[in-house]
Amino acid sequence: MRLELQNIHKHFGDHHVLRGLSFFADSGRAFGLLGRNGAGKTTTIRILMDVFPADDGKVLIDGAPINYAKTGIGYLPEERGLYPKKTIIDQLSYFAQLHGMKRAEAVKSIDYWLDRLEMTEHRNKRLDTLSKGNQQKIQLVTALAHNPEIVILDEPFSGLDPVNAQLLKDIVREEISRGKIVLFSSHQMNYIEEFCDAIAILHGGEIVLKGDLADIKHNYPRNKLVVRSIQDADKIRETYADRIIPHAFESAEHKNDLMLRLQDPSEKEQIMRDLTGRFAIDGVMVFEPSLNDIFVEYASEDTGAEATNAEVKS
């Protein structure tokens, strides 16, 4: 199954919030919808879910207009929306029935997910008796209990401790392996990088970069070298002073690493030979950017016109 948004536009008054968004996501894969606050991610999700219509453009499933009566969508919102004074089983079954499930079918599915999320003991409790992390897990059940074809996760790891984050990771992988379309929206780039095969970065209501994440990284300008030398770092810094990129690495893990900018990628081999021939080198490699590096470049306020609508194809 392929979910596709074609040329989506949306205005709120005089504000043109979305400006011709187009992207697609396939079943059995995870797609990352990224952008700074105000970039248009939430508006895009609401149009996708038919909360309100686009002014122009189409939402398609396998090339045909989406039929919301037949296509299940599960949504985990960033802002939680459950009832704090109601018992968990009652409100979960209520939400599942809103998606067309019979109560008995809904309760069976909910009990499965409560067990899977290690929440069975809280089944008959009120929501406001639970911790923030456990409330997040209950909210997740509302997105999954009706077995939707499309799962939208907006900041899904917010409030989860490492153990529960790992549990959610396992569940996300299971949903992907079952052929679901999983759409992530998050500012936590490490999770996007871990799960998503493809991404789209929004900036000012437009997509400034989209494509397969592996291809995006592979096609990124390969004009930087990462050099590690515990013994000769200071000598390398002096010798290549005009090429060193200052403060490229700030974590303790990379305290002995230096980043050199190449004038042209073709001089990579020569610089590597020079480094290994003159200094005690513990490691040297072409720099491959993280998704965080790419996001900062494309979503910054001074994103240039040359970045707009960039697409990387395999």
C-alpha atoms as a PDB file:
ATOM      1  CA  MET A   1       0.000   0.000   0.000  1.00  0.00           C
ATOM      2  CA  ARG A   2       1.231   3.500  -0.789  1.00  0.00           C
ATOM      3  CA  LEU A   3       0.062   6.650   0.962  1.00  0.00           C
ATOM      4  CA  GLU A   4       0.665   9.732  -1.140  1.00  0.00           C
ATOM      5  CA  LEU A   5       0.142  13.439  -0.604  1.00  0.00           C
ATOM      6  CA  GLN A   6       0.075  15.439  -3.831  1.00  0.00           C
ATOM      7  CA  ASN A   7       0.540  19.219  -4.020  1.00  0.00           C
ATOM      8  CA  ILE A   8      -1.084  19.974  -0.650  1.00  0.00           C
ATOM      9  CA  HIS A   9      -1.831  23.642   0.047  1.00  0.00           C
ATOM     10  CA  LYS A  10      -3.417  25.100   3.174  1.00  0.00           C
ATOM     11  CA  HIS A  11      -4.177  28.686   4.203  1.00  0.00           C
ATOM     12  CA  PHE A  12      -5.327  30.009   7.557  1.00  0.00           C
ATOM     13  CA  GLY A  13      -6.510  33.470   6.723  1.00  0.00           C
ATOM     14  CA  ASP A  14      -3.669  35.222   4.907  1.00  0.00           C
ATOM     15  CA  HIS A  15      -1.100  32.735   6.204  1.00  0.00           C
ATOM     16  CA  HIS A  16      -0.064  30.181   3.576  1.00  0.00           C
ATOM     17  CA  VAL A  17       0.838  27.321   5.931  1.00  0.00           C
ATOM     18  CA  LEU A  18       1.490  24.526   3.419  1.00  0.00           C
ATOM     19  CA  ARG A  19       2.880  25.326  -0.005  1.00  0.00           C
ATOM     20  CA  GLY A  20       2.532  22.399  -2.383  1.00  0.00           C
ATOM     21  CA  LEU A  21       3.627  19.454  -0.223  1.00  0.00           C
ATOM     22  CA  SER A  22       4.144  16.172  -2.059  1.00  0.00           C
ATOM     23  CA  PHE A  23       5.561  12.943  -0.649  1.00  0.00           C
ATOM     24  CA  PHE A  24       4.705   9.258  -0.344  1.00  0.00           C
ATOM     25  CA  ALA A  25       5.133   6.510   2.229  1.00  0.00           C
ATOM     26  CA  ASP A  26       4.968   2.768   1.577  1.00  0.00           C
ATOM     27  CA  SER A  27       3.697  -0.092   3.714  1.00  0.00           C
ATOM     28  CA  GLY A  28       6.313  -2.015   5.624  1.00  0.00           C
ATOM     29  CA  ARG A  29       8.476   1.077   5.958  1.00  0.00           C
ATOM     30  CA  ALA A  30       8.758   4.014   8.334  1.00  0.00           C
ATOM     31  CA  PHE A  31       8.680   7.586   7.064  1.00  0.00           C
ATOM     32  CA  GLY A  32       9.955  10.602   8.999  1.00  0.00           C
ATOM     33  CA  LEU A  33       8.153  13.931   8.676  1.00  0.00           C
ATOM     34  CA  LEU A  34      10.561  16.481  10.116  1.00  0.00           C
ATOM     35  CA  GLY A  35      10.634  20.196  10.689  1.00  0.00           C
ATOM     36  CA  ARG A  36      11.012  22.890  13.307  1.00  0.00           C
ATOM     37  CA  ASN A  37       8.054  24.135  15.303  1.00  0.00           C
ATOM     38  CA  GLY A  38       5.722  25.959  12.933  1.00  0.00           C
ATOM     39  CA  ALA A  39       7.058  24.263   9.797  1.00  0.00           C
ATOM     40  CA  GLY A  40       3.684  22.669   9.013  1.00  0.00           C
ATOM     41  CA  LYS A  41       3.991  19.121  10.360  1.00  0.00           C
ATOM     42  CA  THR A  42       0.851  19.197  12.516  1.00  0.00           C
ATOM     43  CA  THR A  43      -1.218  20.780   9.739  1.00  0.00           C
ATOM     44  CA  THR A  44      -0.015  18.072   7.361  1.00  0.00           C
ATOM     45  CA  ILE A  45      -0.994  15.323   9.809  1.00  0.00           C
ATOM     46  CA  ARG A  46      -4.431  16.854  10.381  1.00  0.00           C
ATOM     47  CA  ILE A  47      -5.097  17.005   6.644  1.00  0.00           C
ATOM     48  CA  LEU A  48      -3.914  13.421   6.285  1.00  0.00           C
ATOM     49  CA  MET A  49      -6.332  12.376   9.043  1.00  0.00           C
ATOM     50  CA  ASP A  50      -9.217  14.416   7.541  1.00  0.00           C
ATOM     51  CA  VAL A  51      -9.493  16.655  10.603  1.00  0.00           C
ATOM     52  CA  PHE A  52      -9.869  19.463   8.088  1.00  0.00           C
ATOM     53  CA  PRO A  53      -9.449  19.551   4.301  1.00  0.00           C
ATOM     54  CA  ALA A  54      -6.609  20.927   2.238  1.00  0.00           C
ATOM     55  CA  ASP A  55      -7.347  24.007   0.139  1.00  0.00           C
ATOM     56  CA  ASP A  56      -5.805  22.198  -2.792  1.00  0.00           C
ATOM     57  CA  GLY A  57      -4.124  18.848  -3.428  1.00  0.00           C
ATOM     58  CA  LYS A  58      -4.943  15.197  -2.841  1.00  0.00           C
ATOM     59  CA  VAL A  59      -4.450  12.447  -0.267  1.00  0.00           C
ATOM     60  CA  LEU A  60      -4.237   9.125  -2.108  1.00  0.00           C
ATOM     61  CA  ILE A  61      -4.003   5.426  -1.311  1.00  0.00           C
ATOM     62  CA  ASP A  62      -2.530   3.395  -4.173  1.00  0.00           C
ATOM     63  CA  GLY A  63      -3.307   6.224  -6.571  1.00  0.00           C
ATOM     64  CA  ALA A  64      -6.975   6.684  -5.598  1.00  0.00           C
ATOM     65  CA  PRO A  65      -8.514   9.220  -3.182  1.00  0.00           C
ATOM     66  CA  ILE A  66      -8.302   7.850   0.343  1.00  0.00           C
ATOM     67  CA  ASN A  67     -11.516   6.285   1.670  1.00  0.00           C
ATOM     68  CA  TYR A  68     -11.475   7.040   5.384  1.00  0.00           C
ATOM     69  CA  ALA A  69     -14.295   4.561   5.995  1.00  0.00           C
ATOM     70  CA  LYS A  70     -12.059   1.738   4.771  1.00  0.00           C
ATOM     71  CA  THR A  71      -8.555   2.916   5.702  1.00  0.00           C
ATOM     72  CA  GLY A  72      -7.698   2.696   9.376  1.00  0.00           C
ATOM     73  CA  ILE A  73      -5.463   5.383  10.847  1.00  0.00           C
ATOM     74  CA  GLY A  74      -3.974   5.208  14.319  1.00  0.00           C
ATOM     75  CA  TYR A  75      -2.678   8.419  15.856  1.00  0.00           C
ATOM     76  CA  LEU A  76      -0.475   8.999  18.865  1.00  0.00           C
ATOM     77  CA  PRO A  77      -0.557  12.783  19.389  1.00  0.00           C
ATOM     78  CA  GLU A  78       2.191  14.825  20.971  1.00  0.00           C
ATOM     79  CA  GLU A  79      -0.382  16.413  23.273  1.00  0.00           C
ATOM     80  CA  ARG A  80      -2.192  13.670  25.146  1.00  0.00           C
ATOM     81  CA  GLY A  81      -5.969  13.577  24.849  1.00  0.00           C
ATOM     82  CA  LEU A  82      -7.411  10.946  27.171  1.00  0.00           C
ATOM     83  CA  TYR A  83      -9.828  11.410  30.067  1.00  0.00           C
ATOM     84  CA  PRO A  84      -7.971  11.507  33.412  1.00  0.00           C
ATOM     85  CA  LYS A  85     -10.978  10.582  35.594  1.00  0.00           C
ATOM     86  CA  LYS A  86     -12.216   7.642  33.513  1.00  0.00           C
ATOM     87  CA  THR A  87     -11.120   4.033  33.924  1.00  0.00           C
ATOM     88  CA  ILE A  88      -8.630   2.842  31.363  1.00  0.00           C
ATOM     89  CA  ILE A  89     -10.605  -0.097  29.977  1.00  0.00           C
ATOM     90  CA  ASP A  90     -13.774   1.979  29.548  1.00  0.00           C
ATOM     91  CA  GLN A  91     -12.190   4.775  27.582  1.00  0.00           C
ATOM     92  CA  LEU A  92      -9.945   2.506  25.519  1.00  0.00           C
ATOM     93  CA  SER A  93     -12.925   0.420  24.458  1.00  0.00           C
ATOM     94  CA  TYR A  94     -14.854   3.614  23.704  1.00  0.00           C
ATOM     95  CA  PHE A  95     -12.129   4.880  21.371  1.00  0.00           C
ATOM     96  CA  ALA A  96     -11.810   1.482  19.681  1.00  0.00           C
ATOM     97  CA  GLN A  97     -15.559   1.407  19.061  1.00  0.00           C
ATOM     98  CA  LEU A  98     -15.331   4.846  17.452  1.00  0.00           C
ATOM     99  CA  HIS A  99     -13.086   3.142  14.906  1.00  0.00           C
ATOM    100  CA  GLY A 100     -15.819   0.609  14.138  1.00  0.00           C
ATOM    101  CA  MET A 101     -14.972  -2.266  16.465  1.00  0.00           C
ATOM    102  CA  LYS A 102     -17.592  -4.220  18.419  1.00  0.00           C
ATOM    103  CA  ARG A 103     -17.114  -3.936  22.180  1.00  0.00           C
ATOM    104  CA  ALA A 104     -16.129  -7.585  22.673  1.00  0.00           C
ATOM    105  CA  GLU A 105     -13.624  -7.344  19.815  1.00  0.00           C
ATOM    106  CA  ALA A 106     -12.308  -4.069  21.204  1.00  0.00           C
ATOM    107  CA  VAL A 107     -11.821  -5.443  24.725  1.00  0.00           C
ATOM    108  CA  LYS A 108      -9.960  -8.477  23.368  1.00  0.00           C
ATOM    109  CA  SER A 109      -7.577  -6.269  21.395  1.00  0.00           C
ATOM    110  CA  ILE A 110      -7.113  -3.853  24.293  1.00  0.00           C
ATOM    111  CA  ASP A 111      -6.279  -6.683  26.684  1.00  0.00           C
ATOM    112  CA  TYR A 112      -3.663  -7.919  24.209  1.00  0.00           C
ATOM    113  CA  TRP A 113      -2.033  -4.490  24.040  1.00  0.00           C
ATOM    114  CA  LEU A 114      -2.214  -3.905  27.795  1.00  0.00           C
ATOM    115  CA  ASP A 115      -0.375  -7.195  28.267  1.00  0.00           C
ATOM    116  CA  ARG A 116       2.123  -6.361  25.506  1.00  0.00           C
ATOM    117  CA  LEU A 117       2.839  -3.013  27.168  1.00  0.00           C
ATOM    118  CA  GLU A 118       3.011  -4.527  30.671  1.00  0.00           C
ATOM    119  CA  MET A 119      -0.021  -2.523  31.766  1.00  0.00           C
ATOM    120  CA  THR A 120      -2.592  -5.242  32.576  1.00  0.00           C
ATOM    121  CA  GLU A 121      -2.545  -4.486  36.306  1.00  0.00           C
ATOM    122  CA  HIS A 122      -3.769  -0.941  35.543  1.00  0.00           C
ATOM    123  CA  ARG A 123      -6.715  -2.085  33.401  1.00  0.00           C
ATOM    124  CA  ASN A 124      -9.449  -0.906  35.799  1.00  0.00           C
ATOM    125  CA  LYS A 125      -7.673   2.125  37.234  1.00  0.00           C
ATOM    126  CA  ARG A 126      -8.317   5.764  36.434  1.00  0.00           C
ATOM    127  CA  LEU A 127      -5.835   7.315  34.057  1.00  0.00           C
ATOM    128  CA  ASP A 128      -4.793  10.053  36.494  1.00  0.00           C
ATOM    129  CA  THR A 129      -3.429   7.435  38.916  1.00  0.00           C
ATOM    130  CA  LEU A 130      -0.662   6.519  36.444  1.00  0.00           C
ATOM    131  CA  SER A 131       2.756   8.036  35.860  1.00  0.00           C
ATOM    132  CA  LYS A 132       3.361  10.187  32.789  1.00  0.00           C
ATOM    133  CA  GLY A 133       5.201   7.364  31.052  1.00  0.00           C
ATOM    134  CA  ASN A 134       2.412   4.869  31.710  1.00  0.00           C
ATOM    135  CA  GLN A 135      -0.186   7.360  30.503  1.00  0.00           C
ATOM    136  CA  GLN A 136       1.838   7.570  27.304  1.00  0.00           C
ATOM    137  CA  LYS A 137       1.623   3.789  26.943  1.00  0.00           C
ATOM    138  CA  ILE A 138      -2.157   3.887  27.410  1.00  0.00           C
ATOM    139  CA  GLN A 139      -2.376   6.594  24.754  1.00  0.00           C
ATOM    140  CA  LEU A 140      -0.429   4.304  22.442  1.00  0.00           C
ATOM    141  CA  VAL A 141      -3.093   1.607  22.832  1.00  0.00           C
ATOM    142  CA  THR A 142      -5.675   4.001  21.366  1.00  0.00           C
ATOM    143  CA  ALA A 143      -3.504   4.232  18.240  1.00  0.00           C
ATOM    144  CA  LEU A 144      -3.039   0.478  17.829  1.00  0.00           C
ATOM    145  CA  ALA A 145      -6.063  -1.350  19.233  1.00  0.00           C
ATOM    146  CA  HIS A 146      -8.146  -1.095  16.037  1.00  0.00           C
ATOM    147  CA  ASN A 147      -5.296  -2.533  13.924  1.00  0.00           C
ATOM    148  CA  PRO A 148      -4.910   0.446  11.566  1.00  0.00           C
ATOM    149  CA  GLU A 149      -3.089   0.294   8.236  1.00  0.00           C
ATOM    150  CA  ILE A 150      -1.463   3.685   8.882  1.00  0.00           C
ATOM    151  CA  VAL A 151       0.155   4.500  12.246  1.00  0.00           C
ATOM    152  CA  ILE A 152       1.110   8.131  12.937  1.00  0.00           C
ATOM    153  CA  LEU A 153       3.428   8.690  15.894  1.00  0.00           C
ATOM    154  CA  ASP A 154       3.997  12.285  17.004  1.00  0.00           C
ATOM    155  CA  GLU A 155       6.898  12.494  19.506  1.00  0.00           C
ATOM    156  CA  PRO A 156       6.212   8.900  20.601  1.00  0.00           C
ATOM    157  CA  PHE A 157       9.170   8.581  22.987  1.00  0.00           C
ATOM    158  CA  SER A 158       8.369  11.683  25.015  1.00  0.00           C
ATOM    159  CA  GLY A 159       8.229  10.898  28.727  1.00  0.00           C
ATOM    160  CA  LEU A 160       9.429   7.290  28.424  1.00  0.00           C
ATOM    161  CA  ASP A 161      12.289   5.912  30.494  1.00  0.00           C
ATOM    162  CA  PRO A 162      14.918   3.785  28.682  1.00  0.00           C
ATOM    163  CA  VAL A 163      13.160   0.485  29.473  1.00  0.00           C
ATOM    164  CA  ASN A 164       9.795   1.659  28.148  1.00  0.00           C
ATOM    165  CA  ALA A 165      11.473   3.363  25.194  1.00  0.00           C
ATOM    166  CA  GLN A 166      12.976   0.001  24.250  1.00  0.00           C
ATOM    167  CA  LEU A 167       9.574  -1.651  24.588  1.00  0.00           C
ATOM    168  CA  LEU A 168       8.080   0.942  22.247  1.00  0.00           C
ATOM    169  CA  LYS A 169      10.936   0.422  19.786  1.00  0.00           C
ATOM    170  CA  ASP A 170      10.144  -3.296  19.687  1.00  0.00           C
ATOM    171  CA  ILE A 171       6.458  -2.588  19.054  1.00  0.00           C
ATOM    172  CA  VAL A 172       7.231  -0.109  16.272  1.00  0.00           C
ATOM    173  CA  ARG A 173       9.447  -2.693  14.575  1.00  0.00           C
ATOM    174  CA  GLU A 174       6.657  -5.262  14.872  1.00  0.00           C
ATOM    175  CA  GLU A 175       4.151  -2.897  13.270  1.00  0.00           C
ATOM    176  CA  ILE A 176       6.537  -2.185  10.402  1.00  0.00           C
ATOM    177  CA  SER A 177       7.137  -5.917   9.883  1.00  0.00           C
ATOM    178  CA  ARG A 178       3.361  -6.435   9.685  1.00  0.00           C
ATOM    179  CA  GLY A 179       3.244  -4.192   6.648  1.00  0.00           C
ATOM    180  CA  LYS A 180       1.935  -1.038   8.289  1.00  0.00           C
ATOM    181  CA  ILE A 181       2.788   2.444   7.090  1.00  0.00           C
ATOM    182  CA  VAL A 182       4.445   4.089  10.098  1.00  0.00           C
ATOM    183  CA  LEU A 183       4.814   7.855   9.961  1.00  0.00           C
ATOM    184  CA  PHE A 184       7.051   9.509  12.559  1.00  0.00           C
ATOM    185  CA  SER A 185       7.052  13.159  13.519  1.00  0.00           C
ATOM    186  CA  SER A 186       9.737  13.961  16.056  1.00  0.00           C
ATOM    187  CA  HIS A 187      12.562  16.293  17.018  1.00  0.00           C
ATOM    188  CA  GLN A 188      14.538  13.351  18.410  1.00  0.00           C
ATOM    189  CA  MET A 189      16.651  12.653  15.348  1.00  0.00           C
ATOM    190  CA  ASN A 190      18.282   9.546  16.776  1.00  0.00           C
ATOM    191  CA  TYR A 191      14.922   7.750  16.781  1.00  0.00           C
ATOM    192  CA  ILE A 192      14.080   8.912  13.262  1.00  0.00           C
ATOM    193  CA  GLU A 193      17.472   7.740  12.071  1.00  0.00           C
ATOM    194  CA  GLU A 194      16.996   4.387  13.765  1.00  0.00           C
ATOM    195  CA  PHE A 195      13.601   3.603  12.229  1.00  0.00           C
ATOM    196  CA  CYS A 196      12.940   5.622   9.104  1.00  0.00           C
ATOM    197  CA  ASP A 197      13.822   4.512   5.597  1.00  0.00           C
ATOM    198  CA  ALA A 198      12.768   7.832   4.050  1.00  0.00           C
ATOM    199  CA  ILE A 199      12.258  11.382   5.288  1.00  0.00           C
ATOM    200  CA  ALA A 200      10.875  14.752   4.300  1.00  0.00           C
ATOM    201  CA  ILE A 201      12.115  17.946   5.945  1.00  0.00           C
ATOM    202  CA  LEU A 202       9.630  20.842   6.060  1.00  0.00           C
ATOM    203  CA  HIS A 203      10.695  24.457   6.301  1.00  0.00           C
ATOM    204  CA  GLY A 204       8.307  27.380   5.978  1.00  0.00           C
ATOM    205  CA  GLY A 205       5.503  25.158   4.749  1.00  0.00           C
ATOM    206  CA  GLU A 206       7.581  23.602   1.969  1.00  0.00           C
ATOM    207  CA  ILE A 207       9.560  20.405   1.657  1.00  0.00           C
ATOM    208  CA  VAL A 208      13.224  21.382   1.381  1.00  0.00           C
ATOM    209  CA  LEU A 209      14.604  17.839   1.300  1.00  0.00           C
ATOM    210  CA  LYS A 210      13.034  14.428   0.787  1.00  0.00           C
ATOM    211  CA  GLY A 211      14.057  10.953  -0.231  1.00  0.00           C
ATOM    212  CA  ASP A 212      15.590   7.725   0.988  1.00  0.00           C
ATOM    213  CA  LEU A 213      17.693   8.474   4.070  1.00  0.00           C
ATOM    214  CA  ALA A 214      20.552   6.197   3.032  1.00  0.00           C
ATOM    215  CA  ASP A 215      20.697   7.869  -0.391  1.00  0.00           C
ATOM    216  CA  ILE A 216      20.562  11.332   1.164  1.00  0.00           C
ATOM    217  CA  LYS A 217      23.577  10.497   3.297  1.00  0.00           C
ATOM    218  CA  HIS A 218      25.445   8.857   0.418  1.00  0.00           C
ATOM    219  CA  ASN A 219      24.888  11.869  -1.842  1.00  0.00           C
ATOM    220  CA  TYR A 220      25.832  14.388   0.829  1.00  0.00           C
ATOM    221  CA  PRO A 221      28.984  16.338  -0.186  1.00  0.00           C
ATOM    222  CA  ARG A 222      31.911  14.129   0.815  1.00  0.00           C
ATOM    223  CA  ASN A 223      34.321  16.997   1.396  1.00  0.00           C
ATOM    224  CA  LYS A 224      35.248  16.469   5.041  1.00  0.00           C
ATOM    225  CA  LEU A 225      37.556  14.042   6.797  1.00  0.00           C
ATOM    226  CA  VAL A 226      37.352  12.896  10.414  1.00  0.00           C
ATOM    227  CA  VAL A 227      40.814  12.298  11.867  1.00  0.00           C
ATOM    228  CA  ARG A 228      41.585  10.665  15.211  1.00  0.00           C
ATOM    229  CA  SER A 229      45.032  10.906  16.733  1.00  0.00           C
ATOM    230  CA  ILE A 230      45.555  10.676  20.461  1.00  0.00           C
ATOM    231  CA  GLN A 231      49.295  11.341  20.136  1.00  0.00           C
ATOM    232  CA  ASP A 232      49.552  13.954  17.370  1.00  0.00           C
ATOM    233  CA  ALA A 233      46.269  15.866  17.477  1.00  0.00           C
ATOM    234  CA  ASP A 234      47.973  19.171  18.274  1.00  0.00           C
ATOM    235  CA  LYS A 235      50.529  18.736  15.465  1.00  0.00           C
ATOM    236  CA  ILE A 236      47.772  17.953  12.958  1.00  0.00           C
ATOM    237  CA  ARG A 237      45.818  20.975  14.139  1.00  0.00           C
ATOM    238  CA  GLU A 238      48.850  23.219  13.537  1.00  0.00           C
ATOM    239  CA  THR A 239      49.755  21.684  10.174  1.00  0.00           C
ATOM    240  CA  TYR A 240      46.211  21.889   8.800  1.00  0.00           C
ATOM    241  CA  ALA A 241      45.133  25.042  10.609  1.00  0.00           C
ATOM    242  CA  ASP A 242      43.459  26.473   7.503  1.00  0.00           C
ATOM    243  CA  ARG A 243      41.398  23.309   7.009  1.00  0.00           C
ATOM    244  CA  ILE A 244      40.334  22.517  10.563  1.00  0.00           C
ATOM    245  CA  ILE A 245      36.638  23.049  11.266  1.00  0.00           C
ATOM    246  CA  PRO A 246      36.555  24.336  14.859  1.00  0.00           C
ATOM    247  CA  HIS A 247      34.167  22.872  17.435  1.00  0.00           C
ATOM    248  CA  ALA A 248      32.994  20.186  15.005  1.00  0.00           C
ATOM    249  CA  PHE A 249      32.867  17.665  17.842  1.00  0.00           C
ATOM    250  CA  GLU A 250      31.702  18.576  21.305  1.00  0.00           C
ATOM    251  CA  SER A 251      31.037  15.231  23.002  1.00  0.00           C
ATOM    252  CA  ALA A 252      33.598  13.505  25.206  1.00  0.00           C
ATOM    253  CA  GLU A 253      33.409  10.474  22.926  1.00  0.00           C
ATOM    254  CA  HIS A 254      35.011  12.468  20.103  1.00  0.00           C
ATOM    255  CA  LYS A 255      37.398  14.631  22.116  1.00  0.00           C
ATOM    256  CA  ASN A 256      40.400  13.367  20.120  1.00  0.00           C
ATOM    257  CA  ASP A 257      38.729  13.805  16.730  1.00  0.00           C
ATOM    258  CA  LEU A 258      39.460  16.579  14.256  1.00  0.00           C
ATOM    259  CA  MET A 259      37.455  17.525  11.171  1.00  0.00           C
ATOM    260  CA  LEU A 260      39.256  18.711   8.065  1.00  0.00           C
ATOM    261  CA  ARG A 261      37.550  20.437   5.157  1.00  0.00           C
ATOM    262  CA  LEU A 262      38.731  19.374   1.705  1.00  0.00           C
ATOM    263  CA  GLN A 263      38.985  21.931  -1.062  1.00  0.00           C
ATOM    264  CA  ASP A 264      37.732  19.215  -3.404  1.00  0.00           C
ATOM    265  CA  PRO A 265      36.646  15.602  -2.733  1.00  0.00           C
ATOM    266  CA  SER A 266      39.246  14.412  -5.258  1.00  0.00           C
ATOM    267  CA  GLU A 267      42.112  15.310  -2.880  1.00  0.00           C
ATOM    268  CA  LYS A 268      40.813  12.870  -0.247  1.00  0.00           C
ATOM    269  CA  GLU A 269      43.330  10.101  -0.985  1.00  0.00           C
ATOM    270  CA  GLN A 270      46.298  12.484  -1.048  1.00  0.00           C
ATOM    271  CA  ILE A 271      45.384  14.064   2.282  1.00  0.00           C
ATOM    272  CA  MET A 272      44.856  10.627   3.833  1.00  0.00           C
ATOM    273  CA  ARG A 273      48.303   9.467   2.625  1.00  0.00           C
ATOM    274  CA  ASP A 274      49.878  12.636   3.963  1.00  0.00           C
ATOM    275  CA  LEU A 275      48.240  12.210   7.359  1.00  0.00           C
ATOM    276  CA  THR A 276      49.173   8.551   7.783  1.00  0.00           C
ATOM    277  CA  GLY A 277      52.707   9.169   6.514  1.00  0.00           C
ATOM    278  CA  ARG A 278      53.510  12.063   8.849  1.00  0.00           C
ATOM    279  CA  PHE A 279      51.527  11.469  12.023  1.00  0.00           C
ATOM    280  CA  ALA A 280      50.486   8.734  14.438  1.00  0.00           C
ATOM    281  CA  ILE A 281      46.935   8.233  13.192  1.00  0.00           C
ATOM    282  CA  ASP A 282      44.402   6.136  15.090  1.00  0.00           C
ATOM    283  CA  GLY A 283      41.707   6.538  12.448  1.00  0.00           C
ATOM    284  CA  VAL A 284      40.749   8.583   9.397  1.00  0.00           C
ATOM    285  CA  MET A 285      37.522   8.435   7.387  1.00  0.00           C
ATOM    286  CA  VAL A 286      35.233  10.476   5.201  1.00  0.00           C
ATOM    287  CA  PHE A 287      32.679  12.289   7.334  1.00  0.00           C
ATOM    288  CA  GLU A 288      29.139  10.973   6.997  1.00  0.00           C
ATOM    289  CA  PRO A 289      26.622  13.381   8.489  1.00  0.00           C
ATOM    290  CA  SER A 290      24.057  12.309  11.034  1.00  0.00           C
ATOM    291  CA  LEU A 291      20.414  13.097  10.401  1.00  0.00           C
ATOM    292  CA  ASN A 292      20.785  15.824  13.020  1.00  0.00           C
ATOM    293  CA  ASP A 293      23.539  17.472  10.931  1.00  0.00           C
ATOM    294  CA  ILE A 294      21.352  17.321   7.823  1.00  0.00           C
ATOM    295  CA  PHE A 295      18.307  18.628   9.659  1.00  0.00           C
ATOM    296  CA  VAL A 296      20.185  21.609  11.090  1.00  0.00           C
ATOM    297  CA  GLU A 297      21.454  22.516   7.615  1.00  0.00           C
ATOM    298  CA  TYR A 298      18.111  22.265   5.827  1.00  0.00           C
ATOM    299  CA  ALA A 299      15.800  23.541   8.563  1.00  0.00           C
ATOM    300  CA  SER A 300      17.837  26.562   9.648  1.00  0.00           C
ATOM    301  CA  GLU A 301      16.475  30.053   9.133  1.00  0.00           C
ATOM    302  CA  ASP A 302      19.036  30.801   6.411  1.00  0.00           C
ATOM    303  CA  THR A 303      18.159  27.736   4.335  1.00  0.00           C
ATOM    304  CA  GLY A 304      18.964  28.871   0.828  1.00  0.00           C
ATOM    305  CA  ALA A 305      16.817  28.685  -2.256  1.00  0.00           C
ATOM    306  CA  GLU A 306      19.107  26.019  -3.659  1.00  0.00           C
ATOM    307  CA  ALA A 307      17.914  23.622  -0.921  1.00  0.00           C
ATOM    308  CA  THR A 308      14.203  24.098  -1.622  1.00  0.00           C
ATOM    309  CA  ASN A 309      12.470  20.985  -2.949  1.00  0.00           C
ATOM    310  CA  ALA A 310      15.712  18.998  -3.065  1.00  0.00           C
ATOM    311  CA  GLU A 311      14.995  15.350  -3.674  1.00  0.00           C
ATOM    312  CA  VAL A 312      17.360  12.408  -3.491  1.00  0.00           C
ATOM    313  CA  LYS A 313      16.364   9.407  -5.558  1.00  0.00           C
ATOM    314  CA  SER A 314      17.868   5.963  -5.429  1.00  0.00           C
END
